[in-house]
Amino acid sequence: MTTAVLTEPQRALDGDAMIETVGTASAQVPGSSGRQKIARETMIYFLGMLLSRAASLIMLPVYTRALTPADYGILQLLDMTSDVVAILVSAGCTAGVMRFYFKTEVEHDRRAVLGSAISMQVGLNLIGTILLVAFAQPIWQHLLHGAYTKQLVYLAAANFTLGSLSIVPLIFMQIERRAILFSAVSVLRLVLQLSLNILFLVFFHWGPGGILLSSLFVNLVIGSLTVAWMVRRVGFVIRRKALLDLRRFGLPYQIGTLGTFIVSFGDRLFLDKYGGLAVVGLYGLAYQFGFMLDQVGMAPYFRAWTPHRFEYARDDRATRDSKNAQGFRYLNLIAFTCATGIALFVHPVLRIVAHQEFWQAADIVPIILAAYIVQGWVAVVEFGIDISERTKYATYSIWASVAACVALYALLIPRFGGFGAAWATLIAFVVRLGFHWRFGQRLWPIAYGWLPTLRIASYSTIACVAALYLRPANLAMELALGLVLFVAYAVAVWATLLDESDRAEIKKFAAARVRTLATRLAPA
């Protein structure tokens, strides 16, 4: 995403009864070794993303001084334009890579899945780049209101293809559990991105064009390196059957992506109409903290957990239910803990690092965080749709959420602005979750165990609402209040949601990390 380059490497946005318990009478409880592997991989992914977010936070004063809210709005609208083109040409074409890779144990067939996926992704994105170049003049004139020059559109067009080069290689790194390599690539991207951003923004004063140009160089370098690594590992095999399987699997997601776009970015069009580019920019800044939750909180865990889920899909129902319920509980512990921390401290952080005109974005952040958590739940229950290869059902639920969302945009945004947009998005994601749950359970039933999730959600909500209504005017007092509320939340979770084995694993994992750190810091 275009605006995401301000803060992080590019990344790809994207039931029956809502309360159930997991039957354990015949379920095999997963051993600690499996949990430790996922925890270790999650920690590696997390550290890489944490470094990215920390660097982004340090750079926030630079961005908010070198760019205006209108500049943020321009980048948001270019981001939206690229997503529209992706819907038309390439969305969903790599959605089935893990499914078909793990479905076969024949090495040549697995190589064909990878080679076919990257050739399809890059080839279709080249078509998208041509479309963006062909329509650069009207995009610049009408969508960007003639701001700066149409070279911005050309840069976005080049990034559309170059940014896709590393997608399949990064998926392959996840498949092979190369968390360290994946994180190293992320850190390299971060270093290059921030260095060029500083050069182009601070020294050359190129504004949004500087951000897009730095992305072009970074995408070219990282894309070339990762593709070369993957080709060296597995060669480059294209097979017609693999292409057809991937397209069959991904086509419903491509159709559904149009609905996802409407839910995710239609609010920008309404906000631009009723509030202008500055309002779009503030809303986009608030969304950056949603990206923080996704990238630092949930994405590292998903990257570690998802390949394991495909592997134990062959297990019997009781075993896979137990493993999925345990994994889902850990996901929510991570997601709600990160979301609570972000929501409690986003306002004082903006008071420290940003101009006052940006502070009001903080009040929208908790709603956006809730929407991201619900979207994470959608990704979890979507597994039943993916493993059954009946991806058309995902499209049905997406369009049901679109119908709700468009009505809510029209109803809420003219009156409540950014708050209305955030609430409309959250409600739409809840609608999608309901349909995804229903279809997923029908096609591939899994008992996740929702009761602990609702309890931790209530703890987080209480802490965030208290911070909002008790917010002191003094910055030091606001930071102290946030710390007290976060500690209270953590104590409640530790005391009521973790069992003895969880506590023991956490203590063991933390002790091991402390010993490792102490050993490395000790003098030779």
Protein backbone atom coordinates (compact mmCIF):
# COMPACT_ATOMS: atom_id res chain seq x y z
CA MET A 1 0.00 0.00 0.00
CA THR A 2 1.34 3.41 -0.85
CA THR A 3 0.81 5.07 2.50
CA ALA A 4 2.17 2.07 4.34
CA VAL A 5 5.65 2.85 3.09
CA LEU A 6 5.70 5.70 5.55
CA THR A 7 5.74 3.30 8.42
CA GLU A 8 6.44 -0.26 7.36
CA PRO A 9 7.30 -2.63 4.56
CA GLN A 10 4.46 -3.22 2.14
CA ARG A 11 2.26 -5.89 2.97
CA ALA A 12 -0.39 -7.46 1.34
CA LEU A 13 -5.13 -5.77 3.92
CA ASP A 14 -7.24 -8.83 3.30
CA GLY A 15 -20.25 -19.34 12.10
CA ASP A 16 -22.80 -21.20 13.73
CA ALA A 17 -23.06 -20.17 17.36
CA MET A 18 -20.71 -17.35 18.26
CA ILE A 19 -19.94 -18.95 21.60
CA GLU A 20 -18.85 -22.54 21.87
CA THR A 21 -16.64 -24.72 23.98
CA VAL A 22 -14.08 -27.17 22.75
CA GLY A 23 -14.75 -30.79 23.46
CA THR A 24 -11.67 -32.36 24.98
CA ALA A 25 -12.86 -35.79 25.94
CA SER A 26 -11.26 -37.38 22.92
CA ALA A 27 -9.02 -34.55 21.80
CA GLN A 28 -5.30 -34.88 21.84
CA VAL A 29 -3.84 -31.85 23.61
CA PRO A 30 -0.98 -30.44 21.55
CA GLY A 31 2.45 -30.92 23.07
CA SER A 32 4.60 -28.08 24.27
CA SER A 33 7.08 -28.61 21.43
CA GLY A 34 4.50 -27.45 18.87
CA ARG A 35 3.68 -24.41 20.96
CA GLN A 36 7.35 -23.62 21.39
CA LYS A 37 7.98 -23.77 17.64
CA ILE A 38 5.12 -21.41 16.93
CA ALA A 39 6.17 -19.15 19.80
CA ARG A 40 9.76 -19.05 18.59
CA GLU A 41 8.78 -18.27 15.01
CA THR A 42 6.24 -15.70 16.19
CA MET A 43 8.89 -13.99 18.32
CA ILE A 44 11.26 -13.76 15.36
CA TYR A 45 8.56 -12.30 13.12
CA PHE A 46 7.51 -10.01 15.96
CA LEU A 47 11.01 -8.65 16.55
CA GLY A 48 11.39 -7.84 12.87
CA MET A 49 8.06 -6.04 12.75
CA LEU A 50 8.66 -4.35 16.12
CA LEU A 51 11.87 -2.87 14.78
CA SER A 52 9.94 -1.58 11.77
CA ARG A 53 7.26 0.00 13.92
CA ALA A 54 9.75 1.49 16.38
CA ALA A 55 11.68 3.08 13.53
CA SER A 56 8.42 4.32 12.05
CA LEU A 57 7.40 5.89 15.34
CA ILE A 58 10.76 7.63 15.60
CA MET A 59 10.29 8.89 12.04
CA LEU A 60 6.73 10.13 12.64
CA PRO A 61 7.86 13.67 13.57
CA VAL A 62 9.80 13.81 10.30
CA TYR A 63 6.81 12.67 8.25
CA THR A 64 4.30 14.97 9.98
CA ARG A 65 6.59 17.94 9.39
CA ALA A 66 7.71 17.10 5.87
CA LEU A 67 4.19 16.14 4.75
CA THR A 68 0.89 17.93 5.24
CA PRO A 69 -2.42 16.20 6.00
CA ALA A 70 -3.27 16.83 2.33
CA ASP A 71 -0.08 14.99 1.30
CA TYR A 72 -1.21 12.03 3.42
CA GLY A 73 -4.54 12.25 1.61
CA ILE A 74 -2.83 12.15 -1.80
CA LEU A 75 -0.96 9.01 -0.84
CA GLN A 76 -4.17 7.45 0.46
CA LEU A 77 -5.94 8.14 -2.84
CA LEU A 78 -3.06 6.70 -4.89
CA ASP A 79 -3.17 3.67 -2.63
CA MET A 80 -6.87 3.34 -3.35
CA THR A 81 -6.29 3.67 -7.10
CA SER A 82 -3.70 0.88 -7.05
CA ASP A 83 -6.15 -1.34 -5.20
CA VAL A 84 -8.79 -0.73 -7.84
CA VAL A 85 -6.37 -1.83 -10.55
CA ALA A 86 -5.41 -4.88 -8.49
CA ILE A 87 -9.06 -5.84 -8.32
CA LEU A 88 -9.29 -5.66 -12.09
CA VAL A 89 -6.16 -7.65 -12.91
CA SER A 90 -4.40 -9.61 -10.17
CA ALA A 91 -6.22 -9.81 -6.83
CA GLY A 92 -6.35 -13.29 -5.30
CA CYS A 93 -3.92 -14.95 -7.69
CA THR A 94 -1.59 -16.09 -4.88
CA ALA A 95 -4.32 -16.87 -2.32
CA GLY A 96 -4.03 -20.62 -2.89
CA VAL A 97 -0.24 -20.98 -2.77
CA MET A 98 -0.09 -22.56 0.69
CA ARG A 99 -3.16 -24.72 0.10
CA PHE A 100 -1.81 -26.32 -3.09
CA TYR A 101 1.78 -26.46 -1.84
CA PHE A 102 0.79 -28.51 1.21
CA LYS A 103 -1.84 -30.50 -0.68
CA THR A 104 0.85 -32.40 -2.57
CA GLU A 105 3.99 -34.07 -1.32
CA VAL A 106 5.57 -34.32 -4.78
CA GLU A 107 8.51 -31.93 -4.91
CA HIS A 108 8.19 -31.10 -8.62
CA ASP A 109 4.51 -30.25 -8.19
CA ARG A 110 5.34 -27.98 -5.26
CA ARG A 111 7.91 -26.17 -7.37
CA ALA A 112 5.31 -25.75 -10.08
CA VAL A 113 2.94 -24.09 -7.60
CA LEU A 114 5.60 -21.52 -6.68
CA GLY A 115 6.80 -20.84 -10.23
CA SER A 116 3.28 -20.59 -11.60
CA ALA A 117 2.21 -18.27 -8.79
CA ILE A 118 5.02 -15.76 -9.26
CA SER A 119 4.70 -15.74 -13.05
CA MET A 120 0.95 -15.13 -12.80
CA GLN A 121 1.34 -12.41 -10.15
CA VAL A 122 4.00 -10.43 -11.97
CA GLY A 123 2.46 -10.90 -15.41
CA LEU A 124 -0.96 -9.67 -14.33
CA ASN A 125 0.54 -6.76 -12.41
CA LEU A 126 2.40 -5.68 -15.55
CA ILE A 127 -1.01 -5.30 -17.17
CA GLY A 128 -2.05 -3.17 -14.21
CA THR A 129 0.99 -0.94 -14.60
CA ILE A 130 0.10 -0.37 -18.25
CA LEU A 131 -3.45 0.61 -17.26
CA LEU A 132 -2.21 3.10 -14.65
CA VAL A 133 0.16 4.71 -17.14
CA ALA A 134 -2.56 4.89 -19.79
CA PHE A 135 -4.94 6.69 -17.42
CA ALA A 136 -2.35 8.79 -15.58
CA GLN A 137 -3.73 12.13 -16.83
CA PRO A 138 -7.35 11.71 -15.62
CA ILE A 139 -6.20 10.11 -12.35
CA TRP A 140 -3.93 13.07 -11.62
CA GLN A 141 -6.39 15.70 -12.78
CA HIS A 142 -9.61 14.43 -11.21
CA LEU A 143 -8.67 12.16 -8.30
CA LEU A 144 -5.61 14.09 -7.06
CA HIS A 145 -7.14 17.46 -7.97
CA GLY A 146 -4.03 18.34 -10.02
CA ALA A 147 -1.76 18.31 -6.97
CA TYR A 148 1.98 18.25 -7.75
CA THR A 149 2.47 16.51 -11.13
CA LYS A 150 1.20 13.36 -12.83
CA GLN A 151 4.66 11.85 -12.27
CA LEU A 152 3.14 10.67 -8.97
CA VAL A 153 0.85 8.37 -10.92
CA TYR A 154 3.74 7.03 -13.00
CA LEU A 155 5.69 6.21 -9.83
CA ALA A 156 2.67 4.47 -8.34
CA ALA A 157 2.29 2.51 -11.60
CA ALA A 158 5.89 1.29 -11.46
CA ASN A 159 5.50 0.27 -7.83
CA PHE A 160 2.42 -1.73 -8.74
CA THR A 161 4.55 -4.35 -10.52
CA LEU A 162 7.80 -4.01 -8.61
CA GLY A 163 6.00 -4.40 -5.28
CA SER A 164 4.65 -7.78 -6.38
CA LEU A 165 8.04 -9.36 -7.04
CA SER A 166 8.66 -10.40 -3.44
CA ILE A 167 5.16 -11.69 -2.61
CA VAL A 168 5.61 -15.35 -3.54
CA PRO A 169 9.21 -15.60 -2.25
CA LEU A 170 8.04 -14.29 1.13
CA ILE A 171 5.23 -16.85 1.19
CA PHE A 172 7.81 -19.53 0.44
CA MET A 173 9.92 -18.33 3.38
CA GLN A 174 6.88 -18.78 5.63
CA ILE A 175 6.26 -22.25 4.22
CA GLU A 176 9.84 -23.29 4.92
CA ARG A 177 9.65 -21.70 8.42
CA ARG A 178 12.54 -19.37 7.60
CA ALA A 179 11.42 -16.74 10.06
CA ILE A 180 14.91 -15.32 10.50
CA LEU A 181 15.38 -14.87 6.75
CA PHE A 182 11.89 -13.36 6.41
CA SER A 183 12.66 -10.88 9.19
CA ALA A 184 16.08 -10.09 7.76
CA VAL A 185 14.44 -9.16 4.47
CA SER A 186 12.01 -6.94 6.36
CA VAL A 187 14.83 -5.20 8.21
CA LEU A 188 16.78 -4.66 4.99
CA ARG A 189 13.67 -3.18 3.40
CA LEU A 190 13.22 -0.95 6.44
CA VAL A 191 16.77 0.37 6.39
CA LEU A 192 16.62 1.15 2.68
CA GLN A 193 13.15 2.69 2.95
CA LEU A 194 13.90 4.99 5.86
CA SER A 195 17.26 6.07 4.46
CA LEU A 196 15.73 7.05 1.15
CA ASN A 197 12.70 8.65 2.81
CA ILE A 198 14.99 10.89 4.87
CA LEU A 199 17.04 11.77 1.81
CA PHE A 200 14.06 12.58 -0.42
CA LEU A 201 11.86 14.25 2.20
CA VAL A 202 14.28 16.11 4.46
CA PHE A 203 17.08 17.04 2.08
CA PHE A 204 15.36 17.19 -1.31
CA HIS A 205 11.86 18.20 -0.08
CA TRP A 206 10.13 16.07 -2.70
CA GLY A 207 6.96 15.44 -0.65
CA PRO A 208 4.74 12.52 -1.70
CA GLY A 209 6.89 11.97 -4.78
CA GLY A 210 9.85 11.24 -2.52
CA ILE A 211 7.91 8.53 -0.71
CA LEU A 212 6.89 6.91 -3.99
CA LEU A 213 10.38 7.14 -5.46
CA SER A 214 11.97 5.54 -2.39
CA SER A 215 9.42 2.73 -2.65
CA LEU A 216 10.39 2.18 -6.27
CA PHE A 217 14.07 1.68 -5.41
CA VAL A 218 13.29 -0.53 -2.42
CA ASN A 219 10.81 -2.71 -4.32
CA LEU A 220 13.32 -3.19 -7.13
CA VAL A 221 16.15 -4.20 -4.82
CA ILE A 222 14.14 -6.42 -2.44
CA GLY A 223 12.11 -7.96 -5.26
CA SER A 224 15.19 -8.88 -7.26
CA LEU A 225 16.98 -10.39 -4.26
CA THR A 226 14.05 -12.48 -3.06
CA VAL A 227 13.17 -13.78 -6.52
CA ALA A 228 16.80 -14.76 -7.12
CA TRP A 229 16.85 -16.59 -3.77
CA MET A 230 13.67 -18.53 -4.53
CA VAL A 231 14.72 -19.48 -8.07
CA ARG A 232 18.05 -20.71 -6.75
CA ARG A 233 16.25 -22.83 -4.15
CA VAL A 234 13.53 -24.44 -6.27
CA GLY A 235 14.16 -23.44 -9.87
CA PHE A 236 11.48 -21.92 -12.04
CA VAL A 237 8.76 -24.36 -13.09
CA ILE A 238 5.47 -23.31 -14.67
CA ARG A 239 2.70 -25.84 -15.14
CA ARG A 240 -0.68 -25.30 -16.74
CA LYS A 241 -2.51 -27.31 -14.07
CA ALA A 242 -0.95 -25.23 -11.29
CA LEU A 243 -1.94 -22.02 -13.07
CA LEU A 244 -5.53 -23.24 -13.46
CA ASP A 245 -5.74 -24.41 -9.84
CA LEU A 246 -4.44 -21.11 -8.51
CA ARG A 247 -6.76 -19.11 -10.75
CA ARG A 248 -9.78 -21.26 -9.84
CA PHE A 249 -8.99 -20.84 -6.17
CA GLY A 250 -8.25 -17.12 -6.39
CA LEU A 251 -10.92 -15.90 -8.81
CA PRO A 252 -13.68 -15.70 -6.17
CA TYR A 253 -11.28 -13.75 -3.98
CA GLN A 254 -10.60 -11.39 -6.87
CA ILE A 255 -14.31 -10.77 -7.22
CA GLY A 256 -14.62 -10.46 -3.47
CA THR A 257 -11.71 -8.02 -3.35
CA LEU A 258 -13.90 -5.42 -5.01
CA GLY A 259 -16.19 -5.70 -2.01
CA THR A 260 -13.21 -5.58 0.35
CA PHE A 261 -12.04 -2.43 -1.40
CA ILE A 262 -15.42 -0.78 -0.95
CA VAL A 263 -15.44 -1.64 2.74
CA SER A 264 -11.82 -0.61 3.30
CA PHE A 265 -11.47 2.46 1.07
CA GLY A 266 -14.96 3.63 0.15
CA ASP A 267 -14.84 5.66 3.34
CA ARG A 268 -12.00 7.73 1.83
CA LEU A 269 -14.24 8.82 -1.03
CA PHE A 270 -17.04 9.80 1.36
CA LEU A 271 -14.58 11.58 3.65
CA ASP A 272 -13.01 13.43 0.72
CA LYS A 273 -16.45 14.56 -0.43
CA TYR A 274 -17.71 15.71 2.97
CA GLY A 275 -14.47 16.77 4.66
CA GLY A 276 -11.65 17.20 2.12
CA LEU A 277 -8.12 15.84 1.80
CA ALA A 278 -7.13 16.89 5.34
CA VAL A 279 -9.85 14.72 6.86
CA VAL A 280 -8.77 11.81 4.65
CA GLY A 281 -5.21 12.35 5.83
CA LEU A 282 -6.15 12.32 9.54
CA TYR A 283 -8.20 9.18 9.03
CA GLY A 284 -5.26 7.61 7.18
CA LEU A 285 -2.96 8.48 10.07
CA ALA A 286 -5.36 6.80 12.50
CA TYR A 287 -5.31 3.74 10.26
CA GLN A 288 -1.52 3.57 10.64
CA PHE A 289 -2.08 2.43 14.23
CA GLY A 290 -4.41 -0.26 12.92
CA PHE A 291 -1.56 -1.36 10.66
CA MET A 292 0.63 -1.40 13.77
CA LEU A 293 -1.71 -3.87 15.46
CA ASP A 294 -1.88 -5.99 12.33
CA GLN A 295 1.83 -5.98 11.58
CA VAL A 296 3.30 -6.13 15.09
CA GLY A 297 0.49 -7.99 16.84
CA MET A 298 -1.35 -10.39 14.57
CA ALA A 299 0.71 -10.81 11.39
CA PRO A 300 3.77 -12.35 13.10
CA TYR A 301 1.56 -14.95 14.75
CA PHE A 302 -0.36 -15.68 11.55
CA ARG A 303 2.91 -16.14 9.66
CA ALA A 304 4.03 -18.74 12.17
CA TRP A 305 0.64 -20.41 12.76
CA THR A 306 -0.80 -20.69 9.25
CA PRO A 307 1.67 -23.25 7.78
CA HIS A 308 1.11 -25.42 10.87
CA ARG A 309 -2.67 -25.25 10.35
CA PHE A 310 -2.33 -26.61 6.82
CA GLU A 311 -0.10 -29.40 8.08
CA TYR A 312 -2.42 -30.65 10.81
CA ALA A 313 -5.50 -30.32 8.61
CA ARG A 314 -4.96 -34.05 7.98
CA ASP A 315 -5.51 -34.82 11.70
CA ASP A 316 -8.75 -36.21 13.04
CA ARG A 317 -11.50 -33.77 14.04
CA ALA A 318 -10.84 -33.83 17.79
CA THR A 319 -7.10 -33.25 17.40
CA ARG A 320 -7.37 -30.42 14.95
CA ASP A 321 -10.13 -28.80 17.04
CA SER A 322 -7.87 -28.83 20.07
CA LYS A 323 -4.93 -27.38 18.14
CA ASN A 324 -7.02 -24.71 16.42
CA ALA A 325 -8.73 -23.66 19.65
CA GLN A 326 -5.41 -23.33 21.40
CA GLY A 327 -3.94 -21.35 18.50
CA PHE A 328 -6.99 -19.07 18.37
CA ARG A 329 -6.73 -18.36 22.09
CA TYR A 330 -3.07 -17.39 21.75
CA LEU A 331 -3.89 -15.16 18.78
CA ASN A 332 -6.42 -13.25 20.86
CA LEU A 333 -4.07 -12.92 23.81
CA ILE A 334 -1.54 -11.29 21.51
CA ALA A 335 -4.04 -9.19 19.54
CA PHE A 336 -5.95 -7.75 22.49
CA THR A 337 -2.81 -7.10 24.52
CA CYS A 338 -1.26 -5.16 21.64
CA ALA A 339 -4.52 -3.35 20.88
CA THR A 340 -4.98 -2.34 24.50
CA GLY A 341 -1.45 -0.96 24.68
CA ILE A 342 -1.87 1.01 21.45
CA ALA A 343 -5.26 2.43 22.43
CA LEU A 344 -4.06 3.51 25.89
CA PHE A 345 -0.95 5.33 24.68
CA VAL A 346 -1.74 6.59 21.17
CA HIS A 347 -2.99 9.99 22.34
CA PRO A 348 -0.02 10.85 24.58
CA VAL A 349 2.38 9.58 21.92
CA LEU A 350 0.83 11.86 19.29
CA ARG A 351 1.03 14.74 21.78
CA ILE A 352 4.77 14.14 21.98
CA VAL A 353 5.70 13.46 18.36
CA ALA A 354 3.14 15.25 16.18
CA HIS A 355 1.68 18.69 15.66
CA GLN A 356 -1.58 19.41 17.48
CA GLU A 357 -3.60 19.23 14.26
CA PHE A 358 -2.90 15.47 14.18
CA TRP A 359 -3.93 14.70 17.80
CA GLN A 360 -7.62 14.20 17.08
CA ALA A 361 -6.78 11.11 15.01
CA ALA A 362 -6.13 9.28 18.30
CA ASP A 363 -9.81 9.17 19.23
CA ILE A 364 -10.65 7.16 16.11
CA VAL A 365 -7.89 4.61 16.72
CA PRO A 366 -9.70 2.30 19.24
CA ILE A 367 -12.56 1.72 16.78
CA ILE A 368 -10.11 0.92 14.00
CA LEU A 369 -8.23 -1.47 16.29
CA ALA A 370 -11.48 -3.30 17.02
CA ALA A 371 -12.13 -3.58 13.28
CA TYR A 372 -8.69 -5.07 12.71
CA ILE A 373 -9.25 -7.66 15.43
CA VAL A 374 -12.55 -8.69 13.87
CA GLN A 375 -10.83 -8.89 10.50
CA GLY A 376 -8.26 -11.18 12.12
CA TRP A 377 -11.10 -13.44 13.28
CA VAL A 378 -12.39 -13.47 9.70
CA ALA A 379 -8.97 -14.70 8.54
CA VAL A 380 -9.07 -17.45 11.16
CA VAL A 381 -12.51 -18.85 10.31
CA GLU A 382 -11.84 -18.43 6.57
CA PHE A 383 -9.52 -21.41 6.88
CA GLY A 384 -12.52 -23.74 6.58
CA ILE A 385 -13.40 -22.15 3.25
CA ASP A 386 -9.83 -22.31 1.98
CA ILE A 387 -9.09 -25.90 3.00
CA SER A 388 -12.29 -27.07 1.30
CA GLU A 389 -11.36 -25.01 -1.81
CA ARG A 390 -14.90 -23.57 -1.94
CA THR A 391 -13.72 -19.99 -2.09
CA LYS A 392 -16.91 -18.71 -3.71
CA TYR A 393 -18.44 -18.66 -0.22
CA ALA A 394 -15.91 -16.06 0.88
CA THR A 395 -17.21 -13.85 -1.92
CA TYR A 396 -20.78 -14.20 -0.69
CA SER A 397 -19.91 -13.06 2.82
CA ILE A 398 -17.79 -10.17 1.54
CA TRP A 399 -20.66 -8.78 -0.51
CA ALA A 400 -23.07 -9.13 2.40
CA SER A 401 -20.72 -6.92 4.41
CA VAL A 402 -20.48 -4.47 1.51
CA ALA A 403 -24.24 -3.95 1.48
CA ALA A 404 -24.16 -3.08 5.18
CA CYS A 405 -21.08 -0.91 4.82
CA VAL A 406 -22.24 1.30 1.96
CA ALA A 407 -25.49 2.04 3.75
CA LEU A 408 -23.58 2.91 6.92
CA TYR A 409 -21.10 5.12 5.05
CA ALA A 410 -23.95 7.14 3.61
CA LEU A 411 -25.67 7.33 6.98
CA LEU A 412 -22.75 7.98 9.34
CA ILE A 413 -19.93 9.76 7.48
CA PRO A 414 -21.78 12.98 6.56
CA ARG A 415 -22.74 13.41 10.21
CA PHE A 416 -19.82 11.96 12.17
CA GLY A 417 -16.89 12.15 9.74
CA GLY A 418 -13.98 9.87 10.64
CA PHE A 419 -15.85 8.36 13.59
CA GLY A 420 -18.72 7.38 11.32
CA ALA A 421 -16.32 5.82 8.82
CA ALA A 422 -14.60 3.79 11.54
CA TRP A 423 -17.86 2.50 13.04
CA ALA A 424 -19.21 1.61 9.61
CA THR A 425 -16.05 -0.41 8.88
CA LEU A 426 -16.22 -2.23 12.21
CA ILE A 427 -19.88 -3.19 11.76
CA ALA A 428 -19.22 -4.36 8.19
CA PHE A 429 -16.40 -6.62 9.40
CA VAL A 430 -18.72 -8.08 12.04
CA VAL A 431 -21.24 -8.88 9.31
CA ARG A 432 -18.52 -10.55 7.26
CA LEU A 433 -17.39 -12.56 10.27
CA GLY A 434 -20.89 -13.90 10.78
CA PHE A 435 -21.18 -15.12 7.20
CA HIS A 436 -17.63 -16.48 7.11
CA TRP A 437 -18.28 -18.38 10.31
CA ARG A 438 -21.47 -19.88 8.95
CA PHE A 439 -19.93 -21.01 5.66
CA GLY A 440 -16.63 -22.13 7.18
CA GLN A 441 -18.34 -24.30 9.79
CA ARG A 442 -20.56 -25.87 7.17
CA LEU A 443 -17.64 -26.75 4.88
CA TRP A 444 -14.92 -27.65 7.41
CA PRO A 445 -16.16 -27.47 10.99
CA ILE A 446 -13.71 -26.42 13.68
CA ALA A 447 -14.53 -25.71 17.33
CA TYR A 448 -12.49 -22.63 18.23
CA GLY A 449 -13.80 -21.81 21.70
CA TRP A 450 -15.16 -18.25 21.79
CA LEU A 451 -15.86 -17.77 25.49
CA PRO A 452 -12.24 -16.87 26.49
CA THR A 453 -12.13 -14.47 23.55
CA LEU A 454 -15.20 -12.59 24.72
CA ARG A 455 -13.77 -12.34 28.22
CA ILE A 456 -10.47 -10.85 27.10
CA ALA A 457 -12.37 -8.50 24.79
CA SER A 458 -14.36 -7.22 27.77
CA TYR A 459 -11.17 -6.55 29.77
CA SER A 460 -9.67 -4.60 26.88
CA THR A 461 -12.85 -2.59 26.29
CA ILE A 462 -13.12 -1.58 29.95
CA ALA A 463 -9.51 -0.35 30.00
CA CYS A 464 -9.87 1.64 26.76
CA VAL A 465 -13.18 3.27 27.72
CA ALA A 466 -11.75 4.22 31.12
CA ALA A 467 -8.74 5.85 29.45
CA LEU A 468 -11.00 7.85 27.14
CA TYR A 469 -13.33 9.18 29.85
CA LEU A 470 -10.69 9.72 32.53
CA ARG A 471 -8.13 11.33 30.20
CA PRO A 472 -6.27 14.03 32.19
CA ALA A 473 -5.06 17.25 30.61
CA ASN A 474 -1.54 16.76 31.93
CA LEU A 475 0.67 14.60 29.69
CA ALA A 476 2.52 12.90 32.56
CA MET A 477 -0.76 12.03 34.26
CA GLU A 478 -2.15 10.65 31.00
CA LEU A 479 0.88 8.38 30.61
CA ALA A 480 0.54 7.25 34.25
CA LEU A 481 -3.17 6.49 33.79
CA GLY A 482 -2.41 4.43 30.68
CA LEU A 483 0.22 2.45 32.56
CA VAL A 484 -2.12 1.72 35.50
CA LEU A 485 -4.92 0.58 33.20
CA PHE A 486 -2.60 -1.63 31.16
CA VAL A 487 -1.24 -3.30 34.28
CA ALA A 488 -4.80 -3.90 35.51
CA TYR A 489 -5.70 -5.46 32.16
CA ALA A 490 -2.59 -7.69 32.23
CA VAL A 491 -3.30 -8.86 35.78
CA ALA A 492 -6.89 -9.75 34.89
CA VAL A 493 -5.74 -11.75 31.87
CA TRP A 494 -3.00 -13.55 33.81
CA ALA A 495 -5.31 -14.44 36.68
CA THR A 496 -8.44 -15.51 34.79
CA LEU A 497 -7.56 -16.52 31.22
CA LEU A 498 -4.25 -18.37 31.43
CA ASP A 499 -4.06 -21.89 32.82
CA GLU A 500 -1.07 -23.27 34.68
CA SER A 501 0.53 -24.74 31.56
CA ASP A 502 0.24 -21.36 29.79
CA ARG A 503 1.86 -19.55 32.70
CA ALA A 504 4.62 -22.15 32.89
CA GLU A 505 5.30 -21.89 29.15
CA ILE A 506 5.40 -18.08 29.29
CA LYS A 507 7.77 -18.11 32.27
CA LYS A 508 9.98 -20.70 30.60
CA PHE A 509 10.04 -18.82 27.31
CA ALA A 510 10.79 -15.48 29.03
CA ALA A 511 13.52 -17.03 31.18
CA ALA A 512 15.18 -18.53 28.12
CA ARG A 513 15.16 -15.18 26.33
CA VAL A 514 16.62 -13.44 29.39
CA ARG A 515 19.40 -16.03 29.65
CA THR A 516 20.20 -15.67 25.97
CA LEU A 517 20.31 -11.89 26.25
CA ALA A 518 22.47 -12.02 29.39
CA THR A 519 24.89 -14.39 27.68
CA ARG A 520 25.27 -12.14 24.67
CA LEU A 521 25.72 -9.02 26.79
CA ALA A 522 28.22 -10.61 29.18
CA PRO A 523 31.84 -9.56 28.62
CA ALA A 524 34.02 -12.13 26.87
